[in-house]
């Protein structure tokens, strides 16, 4: 997902959209969901679909 933010910023000169996506990822991580590869104490493990869903929910909330 953050690779997409880099693509938006550096290939398409869409820094505002990249920043919005980065903020959505941060907000999703603040919700303490983690995939197995970034699992931490006190967090809830989810799969890729769950994590992407959380990022999309955050993106939707931030875009309003």
Protein backbone atom coordinates (compact mmCIF):
# COMPACT_ATOMS: atom_id res chain seq x y z
CA UNK A 1 0.00 0.00 0.00
CA UNK A 2 2.80 2.40 0.82
CA UNK A 3 4.40 1.50 -2.51
CA UNK A 4 1.26 2.88 -4.14
CA UNK A 5 1.74 6.09 -2.17
CA UNK A 6 5.29 6.31 -3.52
CA UNK A 7 3.99 5.72 -7.07
CA UNK A 8 1.45 8.50 -6.66
CA UNK A 9 4.04 10.90 -5.25
CA UNK A 10 7.04 10.26 -7.46
CA UNK A 11 5.63 8.96 -10.76
CA UNK A 12 2.36 10.84 -11.00
CA UNK A 13 3.17 13.99 -8.98
CA UNK A 14 0.10 13.44 -6.79
CA UNK A 15 1.62 14.22 -3.42
CA UNK A 16 -1.70 15.14 -1.81
CA UNK A 17 -3.20 11.76 -2.70
CA UNK A 18 -0.05 9.99 -1.51
CA UNK A 19 -0.24 11.80 1.82
CA UNK A 20 -3.90 10.88 2.22
CA UNK A 21 -3.08 7.22 1.62
CA UNK A 22 -0.17 7.35 4.08
CA UNK A 23 -2.45 8.89 6.71
CA UNK A 24 -5.01 6.14 6.10
CA UNK A 25 -2.35 3.49 6.72
CA UNK A 26 -1.27 5.24 9.94
CA UNK A 27 -4.88 5.46 11.11
CA UNK A 28 -5.45 1.77 10.36
CA UNK A 29 -2.32 0.85 12.32
CA UNK A 30 -3.51 3.04 15.20
CA UNK A 31 -6.48 0.67 15.40
CA UNK A 32 -4.00 -2.00 16.53
CA UNK A 33 -4.73 -4.45 13.71
CA UNK A 34 -1.66 -6.21 12.35
CA UNK A 35 -0.88 -8.85 9.80
CA UNK A 36 1.28 -11.71 11.04
CA UNK A 37 4.49 -10.23 9.65
CA UNK A 38 4.16 -7.02 11.70
CA UNK A 39 2.35 -8.45 14.73
CA UNK A 40 3.06 -6.76 18.06
CA UNK A 41 1.99 -7.33 21.67
CA UNK A 42 -1.44 -5.93 22.43
CA UNK A 43 -2.54 -5.98 18.79
CA UNK A 44 -5.13 -8.09 17.01
CA UNK A 45 -3.88 -10.28 14.20
CA UNK A 46 -5.73 -10.18 10.90
CA UNK A 47 -5.06 -11.27 7.36
CA UNK A 48 -4.31 -9.17 4.32
CA UNK A 49 -8.00 -8.73 3.54
CA UNK A 50 -8.70 -7.44 7.04
CA UNK A 51 -5.79 -5.02 6.97
CA UNK A 52 -6.69 -3.67 3.53
CA UNK A 53 -10.28 -3.30 4.71
CA UNK A 54 -9.09 -1.23 7.67
CA UNK A 55 -6.97 0.96 5.38
CA UNK A 56 -9.90 1.47 3.00
CA UNK A 57 -12.22 2.34 5.90
CA UNK A 58 -9.66 4.86 7.14
CA UNK A 59 -9.21 6.28 3.65
CA UNK A 60 -12.96 6.67 3.28
CA UNK A 61 -13.22 8.46 6.64
CA UNK A 62 -10.32 10.81 5.83
CA UNK A 63 -11.62 11.64 2.35
CA UNK A 64 -14.91 13.02 3.68
